[in-house]
Amino acid sequence: MHELITEKLRTAYDDTIGDVHRKLASELRDRDRNSIQLQNKYDELHELNHFSPVLGARIDPRLTSKTLNTRSVFNPLTWANSNDNGPITALQLWQEAGDCWCARPKPNSNIKAQLGVRMGQNINPHDFVVEHLPKYGAADISSAPKDLEFWIKTPSEEHARAVHEIVSFRMTRHKTDLCKTSPPSPDYVCIGTGTYLINGRNWVQRYRSFLQLEDLPMGSSKLVFRVTSTWGSKHTCLYRVRVTGEDVAVGLREGQRRHYYMGKHDR
């Protein structure tokens, strides 16, 4: 009888401990997700997004992939009355699954998607930010982008060659892969690469630009974002791409003001 009571107490204790552990694990996961959401929102509100249509960003159709007919990919009953989102969708806020742009892959090429953007101002880009539906909220994550390339337009082909040498040196020194595809045109140069991780803690991921202001003092208003591989699908879908950086015109005006006031002080 004593042994039976002891066994029941041990079982009840183990069940209680198990429940406590599961509850704590659940609370920690919720706290982690909440902290990530807060950090994402903080960053978004405290960083100027130069890919925002509100700031004048526009899609360059000549440098942008065609839109995929999603009716040929998804369940035709589900999508029968839907409209395919255009590439501008990849620059806008999204709220739920399907608020994305799906690109038609370029035939006989490693380019799964290409997004050409003309911004409202010349900038020196700092970071490229990629948002995608989290894995646990997606029925199929295979169309998420994987390997990424970032390109910027320079004043000339000669300038592009000079900048390429400098930026490639920095990327190699920081053990970052160089772009594997050809430039959109001879006056474009690769300024960064990255990999979007579908198993990452955060569904908002950022990638550094290796271009520095002295490489391109006047900056540029034209960038190209490329996807060269996916997580299994033949096509890729983009929820949102953002770009942070320095508005070159503002920097020049501030430099001119500093020069003016220093000159007055010297006199």
Protein backbone atom coordinates (compact mmCIF):
# COMPACT_ATOMS: atom_id res chain seq x y z
CA MET A 1 0.00 0.00 0.00
CA HIS A 2 2.81 2.41 0.91
CA GLU A 3 4.56 1.69 -2.41
CA LEU A 4 1.35 2.38 -4.36
CA ILE A 5 0.86 5.76 -2.66
CA THR A 6 4.50 6.65 -3.28
CA GLU A 7 4.18 5.78 -6.97
CA LYS A 8 1.03 7.88 -7.32
CA LEU A 9 2.71 10.83 -5.60
CA ARG A 10 5.75 10.48 -7.87
CA THR A 11 3.52 10.39 -10.97
CA ALA A 12 1.56 13.44 -9.79
CA TYR A 13 4.83 15.27 -9.08
CA ASP A 14 6.24 14.41 -12.51
CA ASP A 15 3.02 15.55 -14.19
CA THR A 16 3.07 18.82 -12.26
CA ILE A 17 6.72 19.49 -13.10
CA GLY A 18 6.01 18.68 -16.74
CA ASP A 19 3.10 21.11 -16.82
CA VAL A 20 5.24 23.83 -15.21
CA HIS A 21 8.04 23.28 -17.74
CA ARG A 22 5.62 23.39 -20.67
CA LYS A 23 4.01 26.56 -19.34
CA LEU A 24 7.37 28.23 -18.81
CA ALA A 25 8.55 27.20 -22.29
CA SER A 26 5.36 28.61 -23.80
CA GLU A 27 5.73 31.88 -21.88
CA LEU A 28 9.37 32.21 -22.95
CA ARG A 29 8.42 31.64 -26.61
CA ASP A 30 5.70 34.27 -26.34
CA ARG A 31 8.12 36.75 -24.71
CA ASP A 32 10.70 36.06 -27.42
CA ARG A 33 8.18 36.67 -30.19
CA ASN A 34 6.90 39.81 -28.51
CA SER A 35 10.43 41.17 -28.07
CA ILE A 36 11.19 40.48 -31.76
CA GLN A 37 7.99 42.23 -32.83
CA LEU A 38 8.81 45.24 -30.65
CA GLN A 39 12.36 45.42 -32.01
CA ASN A 40 11.12 45.17 -35.60
CA LYS A 41 8.59 47.95 -35.07
CA TYR A 42 11.15 50.14 -33.27
CA ASP A 43 13.64 49.76 -36.13
CA GLU A 44 10.98 50.45 -38.74
CA LEU A 45 9.87 53.64 -37.00
CA HIS A 46 13.40 54.92 -36.35
CA GLU A 47 14.91 54.25 -39.80
CA LEU A 48 14.11 56.09 -43.00
CA ASN A 49 13.05 53.62 -45.68
CA HIS A 50 14.21 54.92 -49.06
CA PHE A 51 12.21 52.20 -50.83
CA SER A 52 8.97 53.74 -49.54
CA PRO A 53 6.60 54.83 -52.33
CA VAL A 54 5.61 57.73 -50.05
CA LEU A 55 9.17 59.07 -50.41
CA GLY A 56 9.02 58.76 -54.18
CA ALA A 57 10.32 55.22 -54.76
CA ARG A 58 9.06 53.74 -58.03
CA ILE A 59 9.45 50.42 -59.82
CA ASP A 60 11.68 50.46 -62.90
CA PRO A 61 9.82 48.08 -65.23
CA ARG A 62 12.85 47.67 -67.51
CA LEU A 63 14.85 46.18 -64.64
CA THR A 64 12.05 44.25 -62.93
CA SER A 65 10.91 40.68 -63.47
CA LYS A 66 7.49 39.97 -64.91
CA THR A 67 4.73 39.13 -62.46
CA LEU A 68 3.91 35.44 -62.11
CA ASN A 69 0.35 34.34 -62.84
CA THR A 70 -0.42 32.93 -59.41
CA ARG A 71 -3.54 31.18 -60.72
CA SER A 72 -1.22 28.75 -62.50
CA VAL A 73 0.58 27.95 -59.25
CA PHE A 74 -2.00 28.05 -56.46
CA ASN A 75 -5.36 26.35 -56.10
CA PRO A 76 -7.51 27.80 -58.93
CA LEU A 77 -10.63 27.65 -56.72
CA THR A 78 -8.90 29.79 -54.10
CA TRP A 79 -7.44 32.32 -56.52
CA ALA A 80 -10.17 32.40 -59.17
CA ASN A 81 -11.35 35.87 -58.20
CA SER A 82 -7.99 37.31 -57.13
CA ASN A 83 -5.74 39.81 -58.89
CA ASP A 84 -2.02 39.20 -59.18
CA ASN A 85 -0.11 41.72 -57.07
CA GLY A 86 2.33 43.85 -59.05
CA PRO A 87 5.97 44.48 -58.06
CA ILE A 88 5.08 47.67 -56.16
CA THR A 89 3.60 45.30 -53.56
CA ALA A 90 7.16 44.37 -52.53
CA LEU A 91 7.71 47.96 -51.39
CA GLN A 92 4.51 48.27 -49.37
CA LEU A 93 3.32 47.26 -45.91
CA TRP A 94 1.79 43.79 -45.65
CA GLN A 95 -0.53 42.23 -43.10
CA GLU A 96 -1.17 38.60 -43.97
CA ALA A 97 -0.28 35.66 -46.20
CA GLY A 98 -0.63 36.55 -49.87
CA ASP A 99 0.24 40.26 -49.47
CA CYS A 100 3.30 39.71 -51.65
CA TRP A 101 4.63 39.94 -55.19
CA CYS A 102 5.48 36.70 -56.99
CA ALA A 103 7.98 37.05 -59.81
CA ARG A 104 8.23 35.02 -62.99
CA PRO A 105 11.72 33.43 -63.15
CA LYS A 106 13.96 34.56 -65.98
CA PRO A 107 14.34 31.71 -68.53
CA ASN A 108 17.79 30.12 -68.82
CA SER A 109 19.09 32.20 -65.93
CA ASN A 110 19.92 31.94 -62.23
CA ILE A 111 17.77 34.99 -61.56
CA LYS A 112 14.57 33.96 -59.78
CA ALA A 113 13.41 37.55 -59.26
CA GLN A 114 14.71 41.02 -59.96
CA LEU A 115 13.34 44.25 -58.53
CA GLY A 116 14.58 47.51 -60.02
CA VAL A 117 13.78 50.60 -57.94
CA ARG A 118 14.14 54.31 -58.69
CA MET A 119 14.18 56.25 -55.43
CA GLY A 120 13.11 59.83 -54.89
CA GLN A 121 16.62 60.87 -53.86
CA ASN A 122 20.25 59.89 -54.26
CA ILE A 123 21.45 57.85 -51.30
CA ASN A 124 24.42 55.99 -49.94
CA PRO A 125 22.73 52.69 -48.91
CA HIS A 126 23.56 51.21 -45.51
CA ASP A 127 21.32 48.14 -45.13
CA PHE A 128 18.89 46.11 -47.20
CA VAL A 129 16.01 44.76 -45.12
CA VAL A 130 13.95 41.76 -46.26
CA GLU A 131 10.62 40.81 -44.70
CA HIS A 132 8.80 37.52 -45.30
CA LEU A 133 5.92 35.62 -43.79
CA PRO A 134 7.28 33.60 -40.84
CA LYS A 135 7.69 29.88 -41.45
CA TYR A 136 5.19 28.93 -38.76
CA GLY A 137 2.54 31.11 -40.43
CA ALA A 138 3.04 29.82 -43.97
CA ALA A 139 1.39 26.79 -45.53
CA ASP A 140 4.33 26.56 -47.95
CA ILE A 141 7.62 28.38 -47.36
CA SER A 142 9.42 27.03 -50.44
CA SER A 143 8.88 30.23 -52.48
CA ALA A 144 10.71 32.36 -49.91
CA PRO A 145 13.89 34.00 -51.25
CA LYS A 146 17.18 32.41 -50.28
CA ASP A 147 20.33 33.85 -51.91
CA LEU A 148 20.25 37.59 -52.52
CA GLU A 149 22.28 40.17 -54.46
CA PHE A 150 22.27 43.98 -54.19
CA TRP A 151 23.31 46.26 -57.07
CA ILE A 152 23.67 50.04 -57.48
CA LYS A 153 23.88 52.20 -60.59
CA THR A 154 27.01 54.34 -61.04
CA PRO A 155 27.60 57.29 -63.44
CA SER A 156 29.49 55.17 -66.01
CA GLU A 157 30.92 51.77 -66.86
CA GLU A 158 34.41 53.04 -66.01
CA HIS A 159 33.21 54.23 -62.62
CA ALA A 160 31.54 50.87 -62.03
CA ARG A 161 34.81 49.02 -62.65
CA ALA A 162 36.65 51.22 -60.15
CA VAL A 163 33.96 50.86 -57.46
CA HIS A 164 33.77 47.11 -58.10
CA GLU A 165 37.44 46.68 -57.20
CA ILE A 166 37.04 48.56 -53.90
CA VAL A 167 33.76 46.95 -52.84
CA SER A 168 34.87 43.43 -53.83
CA PHE A 169 37.97 43.84 -51.66
CA ARG A 170 35.82 44.80 -48.65
CA MET A 171 33.40 41.92 -49.22
CA THR A 172 36.22 39.41 -49.51
CA ARG A 173 37.91 40.78 -46.39
CA HIS A 174 34.64 40.32 -44.46
CA LYS A 175 34.21 36.81 -45.90
CA THR A 176 31.08 37.77 -47.80
CA ASP A 177 30.29 36.06 -51.08
CA LEU A 178 30.55 38.16 -54.23
CA CYS A 179 27.65 38.41 -56.65
CA LYS A 180 27.51 35.42 -58.99
CA THR A 181 25.33 36.93 -61.72
CA SER A 182 26.16 39.55 -64.34
CA PRO A 183 25.28 43.20 -63.69
CA PRO A 184 21.91 44.49 -64.96
CA SER A 185 23.93 46.83 -67.20
CA PRO A 186 27.66 47.71 -67.38
CA ASP A 187 27.24 50.76 -65.12
CA TYR A 188 25.87 48.72 -62.19
CA VAL A 189 28.06 47.31 -59.43
CA CYS A 190 27.42 44.65 -56.78
CA ILE A 191 27.50 46.13 -53.25
CA GLY A 192 26.39 43.16 -51.17
CA THR A 193 24.96 39.67 -50.92
CA GLY A 194 23.11 37.68 -48.30
CA THR A 195 20.97 34.67 -47.48
CA TYR A 196 17.44 34.85 -46.14
CA LEU A 197 17.08 32.19 -43.42
CA ILE A 198 13.58 30.73 -43.16
CA ASN A 199 14.50 29.08 -39.84
CA GLY A 200 15.84 32.30 -38.34
CA ARG A 201 14.33 33.67 -35.11
CA ASN A 202 13.36 36.89 -36.88
CA TRP A 203 11.40 37.01 -40.14
CA VAL A 204 12.78 40.52 -40.74
CA GLN A 205 16.43 40.17 -41.75
CA ARG A 206 19.00 42.78 -42.79
CA TYR A 207 22.09 42.75 -44.96
CA ARG A 208 24.95 45.20 -45.09
CA SER A 209 25.91 47.33 -48.05
CA PHE A 210 29.69 47.39 -48.55
CA LEU A 211 29.55 50.67 -50.46
CA GLN A 212 30.97 53.67 -48.62
CA LEU A 213 30.24 57.32 -49.29
CA GLU A 214 33.72 58.05 -50.64
CA ASP A 215 33.24 55.34 -53.29
CA LEU A 216 30.25 57.14 -54.79
CA PRO A 217 30.11 60.68 -53.30
CA MET A 218 27.02 61.71 -55.24
CA GLY A 219 25.22 58.49 -54.33
CA SER A 220 22.62 56.95 -56.61
CA SER A 221 18.85 56.81 -56.93
CA LYS A 222 18.76 53.44 -58.70
CA LEU A 223 19.13 50.05 -57.03
CA VAL A 224 18.47 46.49 -58.12
CA PHE A 225 17.50 43.72 -55.70
CA ARG A 226 17.97 40.15 -56.96
CA VAL A 227 16.97 36.69 -55.78
CA THR A 228 19.17 33.95 -57.24
CA SER A 229 17.73 30.95 -55.38
CA THR A 230 14.71 29.95 -53.30
CA TRP A 231 13.95 27.37 -50.63
CA GLY A 232 12.70 24.82 -53.14
CA SER A 233 10.19 26.51 -55.41
CA LYS A 234 10.84 27.39 -59.05
CA HIS A 235 9.52 30.89 -58.39
CA THR A 236 9.90 33.35 -55.51
CA CYS A 237 7.55 35.71 -53.70
CA LEU A 238 8.63 38.92 -51.94
CA TYR A 239 6.65 40.42 -49.09
CA ARG A 240 8.67 43.58 -48.54
CA VAL A 241 12.12 44.99 -49.24
CA ARG A 242 13.39 48.10 -47.48
CA VAL A 243 16.59 50.13 -47.80
CA THR A 244 18.17 52.34 -45.17
CA GLY A 245 20.90 54.82 -45.88
CA GLU A 246 22.12 58.38 -46.05
CA ASP A 247 20.40 60.96 -48.21
CA VAL A 248 23.42 62.36 -50.05
CA ALA A 249 21.77 65.72 -50.79
CA VAL A 250 21.09 66.29 -47.09
CA GLY A 251 24.70 65.42 -46.28
CA LEU A 252 25.97 67.83 -48.90
CA ARG A 253 23.75 70.63 -47.61
CA GLU A 254 24.93 70.03 -44.04
CA GLY A 255 28.55 70.00 -45.23
CA GLN A 256 28.00 73.27 -47.08
CA ARG A 257 26.46 74.84 -43.96
CA ARG A 258 29.38 73.70 -41.80
CA HIS A 259 31.80 75.09 -44.37
CA TYR A 260 29.88 78.41 -44.46
CA TYR A 261 29.78 78.88 -40.69
CA MET A 262 33.41 77.85 -40.27
CA GLY A 263 34.32 80.39 -42.93
CA LYS A 264 32.40 83.14 -41.12
CA HIS A 265 34.05 82.19 -37.84
CA ASP A 266 37.50 82.30 -39.45
CA ARG A 267 36.81 85.77 -40.77
